[in-house]
């Protein structure tokens, strides 16, 4: 997946400011943050969109949310509130076709989001 920006960040071809790194998941700061805290939580396994998830990905996706919870606590946004967002395809705002969670916090977030 040499054309995938997130795959290139994961393999070190492109630079990313990592805040979490494991055998199956990485997390790094978004280069265009939409909140004071904006972290991208990304599986090492390339999955293009939520539509491409299979039953075999159940544990991986669950672990992504556990990482989001852990990072929210570590980054001091858990008590005041945070948002976890998944965009699926163009009309939802997905710009990079590698499944990822956006962890957003550090300010009051409006609703509806868009």
C-alpha atoms as a PDB file:
ATOM      1  CA  UNK A   1       0.000   0.000   0.000  1.00  0.00           C
ATOM      2  CA  UNK A   2       2.722   2.472  -0.952  1.00  0.00           C
ATOM      3  CA  UNK A   3       0.083   5.005  -2.033  1.00  0.00           C
ATOM      4  CA  UNK A   4      -1.582   5.043   1.415  1.00  0.00           C
ATOM      5  CA  UNK A   5      -0.473   7.990   3.556  1.00  0.00           C
ATOM      6  CA  UNK A   6      -1.226   6.173   6.819  1.00  0.00           C
ATOM      7  CA  UNK A   7       0.614   3.012   5.718  1.00  0.00           C
ATOM      8  CA  UNK A   8       3.614   5.224   4.930  1.00  0.00           C
ATOM      9  CA  UNK A   9       3.436   6.871   8.360  1.00  0.00           C
ATOM     10  CA  UNK A  10       3.155   3.448  10.018  1.00  0.00           C
ATOM     11  CA  UNK A  11       6.165   2.055   8.135  1.00  0.00           C
ATOM     12  CA  UNK A  12       8.248   5.215   8.682  1.00  0.00           C
ATOM     13  CA  UNK A  13       8.371   6.419   5.070  1.00  0.00           C
ATOM     14  CA  UNK A  14       6.495   9.560   6.170  1.00  0.00           C
ATOM     15  CA  UNK A  15       6.955  11.303   9.498  1.00  0.00           C
ATOM     16  CA  UNK A  16       4.265  11.133  12.173  1.00  0.00           C
ATOM     17  CA  UNK A  17       4.232  12.381  15.756  1.00  0.00           C
ATOM     18  CA  UNK A  18       3.319   9.137  17.522  1.00  0.00           C
ATOM     19  CA  UNK A  19       1.603   9.110  20.906  1.00  0.00           C
ATOM     20  CA  UNK A  20       0.903   5.354  20.948  1.00  0.00           C
ATOM     21  CA  UNK A  21       2.493   2.390  19.207  1.00  0.00           C
ATOM     22  CA  UNK A  22       1.726  -1.339  19.489  1.00  0.00           C
ATOM     23  CA  UNK A  23       1.883  -4.425  17.300  1.00  0.00           C
ATOM     24  CA  UNK A  24      -1.615  -3.763  15.919  1.00  0.00           C
ATOM     25  CA  UNK A  25      -2.431  -0.058  16.442  1.00  0.00           C
ATOM     26  CA  UNK A  26      -0.638   3.275  16.223  1.00  0.00           C
ATOM     27  CA  UNK A  27      -1.830   6.734  17.181  1.00  0.00           C
ATOM     28  CA  UNK A  28      -0.379  10.032  16.084  1.00  0.00           C
ATOM     29  CA  UNK A  29      -1.209  13.724  16.071  1.00  0.00           C
ATOM     30  CA  UNK A  30      -3.307  14.995  13.173  1.00  0.00           C
ATOM     31  CA  UNK A  31      -1.322  17.450  11.024  1.00  0.00           C
ATOM     32  CA  UNK A  32      -4.459  19.585  10.596  1.00  0.00           C
ATOM     33  CA  UNK A  33      -6.008  19.527  14.093  1.00  0.00           C
ATOM     34  CA  UNK A  34      -9.657  20.465  14.497  1.00  0.00           C
ATOM     35  CA  UNK A  35      -9.418  20.683  18.300  1.00  0.00           C
ATOM     36  CA  UNK A  36      -6.614  21.229  20.841  1.00  0.00           C
ATOM     37  CA  UNK A  37      -6.348  17.431  21.064  1.00  0.00           C
ATOM     38  CA  UNK A  38      -6.753  15.680  17.701  1.00  0.00           C
ATOM     39  CA  UNK A  39      -5.251  12.203  17.545  1.00  0.00           C
ATOM     40  CA  UNK A  40      -5.658   9.643  14.772  1.00  0.00           C
ATOM     41  CA  UNK A  41      -5.909   6.028  15.947  1.00  0.00           C
ATOM     42  CA  UNK A  42      -4.996   3.714  13.095  1.00  0.00           C
ATOM     43  CA  UNK A  43      -4.719  -0.056  12.734  1.00  0.00           C
ATOM     44  CA  UNK A  44      -1.469  -1.319  11.223  1.00  0.00           C
ATOM     45  CA  UNK A  45      -3.613  -3.585   9.049  1.00  0.00           C
ATOM     46  CA  UNK A  46      -4.772  -1.691   5.968  1.00  0.00           C
ATOM     47  CA  UNK A  47      -8.579  -1.574   5.929  1.00  0.00           C
ATOM     48  CA  UNK A  48      -9.857   1.071   3.514  1.00  0.00           C
ATOM     49  CA  UNK A  49     -13.224   1.971   5.103  1.00  0.00           C
ATOM     50  CA  UNK A  50     -15.681   0.813   7.737  1.00  0.00           C
ATOM     51  CA  UNK A  51     -17.514  -0.922   4.899  1.00  0.00           C
ATOM     52  CA  UNK A  52     -14.513  -3.232   4.523  1.00  0.00           C
ATOM     53  CA  UNK A  53     -14.568  -4.541   8.099  1.00  0.00           C
ATOM     54  CA  UNK A  54     -15.172  -8.247   8.571  1.00  0.00           C
ATOM     55  CA  UNK A  55     -15.967 -10.419  11.561  1.00  0.00           C
ATOM     56  CA  UNK A  56     -12.233 -11.122  11.812  1.00  0.00           C
ATOM     57  CA  UNK A  57     -11.671  -7.402  12.627  1.00  0.00           C
ATOM     58  CA  UNK A  58     -13.957  -7.389  15.690  1.00  0.00           C
ATOM     59  CA  UNK A  59     -11.165  -7.496  18.301  1.00  0.00           C
ATOM     60  CA  UNK A  60      -9.013  -4.995  16.398  1.00  0.00           C
ATOM     61  CA  UNK A  61     -11.799  -2.407  16.261  1.00  0.00           C
ATOM     62  CA  UNK A  62     -12.583  -2.947  19.932  1.00  0.00           C
ATOM     63  CA  UNK A  63      -8.926  -2.410  20.768  1.00  0.00           C
ATOM     64  CA  UNK A  64      -8.930   0.838  18.792  1.00  0.00           C
ATOM     65  CA  UNK A  65     -11.635   2.165  21.124  1.00  0.00           C
ATOM     66  CA  UNK A  66      -9.704   0.953  24.186  1.00  0.00           C
ATOM     67  CA  UNK A  67      -6.700   2.927  22.905  1.00  0.00           C
ATOM     68  CA  UNK A  68      -8.929   5.998  22.425  1.00  0.00           C
ATOM     69  CA  UNK A  69     -10.122   5.680  26.024  1.00  0.00           C
ATOM     70  CA  UNK A  70      -6.568   5.282  27.324  1.00  0.00           C
ATOM     71  CA  UNK A  71      -5.275   8.270  25.354  1.00  0.00           C
ATOM     72  CA  UNK A  72      -8.207  10.462  26.451  1.00  0.00           C
ATOM     73  CA  UNK A  73      -7.229   9.772  30.066  1.00  0.00           C
ATOM     74  CA  UNK A  74      -3.499  10.270  29.448  1.00  0.00           C
ATOM     75  CA  UNK A  75      -4.082  13.523  27.553  1.00  0.00           C
ATOM     76  CA  UNK A  76      -6.381  14.933  30.244  1.00  0.00           C
ATOM     77  CA  UNK A  77      -9.587  15.165  28.203  1.00  0.00           C
ATOM     78  CA  UNK A  78     -11.524  12.201  29.600  1.00  0.00           C
ATOM     79  CA  UNK A  79     -13.211  13.988  32.517  1.00  0.00           C
ATOM     80  CA  UNK A  80     -14.393  17.025  30.551  1.00  0.00           C
ATOM     81  CA  UNK A  81     -15.440  15.068  27.486  1.00  0.00           C
ATOM     82  CA  UNK A  82     -14.166  14.025  24.125  1.00  0.00           C
ATOM     83  CA  UNK A  83     -15.429  12.733  20.811  1.00  0.00           C
ATOM     84  CA  UNK A  84     -14.411   9.700  18.764  1.00  0.00           C
ATOM     85  CA  UNK A  85     -15.309   9.951  15.070  1.00  0.00           C
ATOM     86  CA  UNK A  86     -15.133   7.515  12.158  1.00  0.00           C
ATOM     87  CA  UNK A  87     -15.795   8.885   8.683  1.00  0.00           C
ATOM     88  CA  UNK A  88     -16.781   6.415   5.979  1.00  0.00           C
ATOM     89  CA  UNK A  89     -16.333   7.435   2.338  1.00  0.00           C
ATOM     90  CA  UNK A  90     -16.294  10.834   0.635  1.00  0.00           C
ATOM     91  CA  UNK A  91     -19.680  12.263   1.674  1.00  0.00           C
ATOM     92  CA  UNK A  92     -18.826  11.652   5.320  1.00  0.00           C
ATOM     93  CA  UNK A  93     -15.484  13.426   4.960  1.00  0.00           C
ATOM     94  CA  UNK A  94     -13.101  10.473   4.706  1.00  0.00           C
ATOM     95  CA  UNK A  95      -9.984  11.833   3.014  1.00  0.00           C
ATOM     96  CA  UNK A  96      -7.547   8.970   3.602  1.00  0.00           C
ATOM     97  CA  UNK A  97      -8.803   5.516   2.772  1.00  0.00           C
ATOM     98  CA  UNK A  98      -7.307   3.651   5.717  1.00  0.00           C
ATOM     99  CA  UNK A  99      -9.705   3.078   8.605  1.00  0.00           C
ATOM    100  CA  UNK A 100      -9.005   5.420  11.528  1.00  0.00           C
ATOM    101  CA  UNK A 101     -10.600   7.007  14.565  1.00  0.00           C
ATOM    102  CA  UNK A 102     -10.373  10.718  15.286  1.00  0.00           C
ATOM    103  CA  UNK A 103      -9.981  11.433  19.013  1.00  0.00           C
ATOM    104  CA  UNK A 104     -11.015  15.067  19.565  1.00  0.00           C
ATOM    105  CA  UNK A 105     -11.119  17.100  22.765  1.00  0.00           C
ATOM    106  CA  UNK A 106      -9.695  19.944  24.762  1.00  0.00           C
ATOM    107  CA  UNK A 107     -12.567  22.342  24.000  1.00  0.00           C
ATOM    108  CA  UNK A 108     -16.354  22.310  23.862  1.00  0.00           C
ATOM    109  CA  UNK A 109     -17.415  20.452  20.712  1.00  0.00           C
ATOM    110  CA  UNK A 110     -20.571  21.574  18.893  1.00  0.00           C
ATOM    111  CA  UNK A 111     -23.507  19.400  17.870  1.00  0.00           C
ATOM    112  CA  UNK A 112     -24.543  18.489  15.273  1.00  0.00           C
ATOM    113  CA  UNK A 113     -20.995  18.027  13.984  1.00  0.00           C
ATOM    114  CA  UNK A 114     -21.572  18.839  10.352  1.00  0.00           C
END
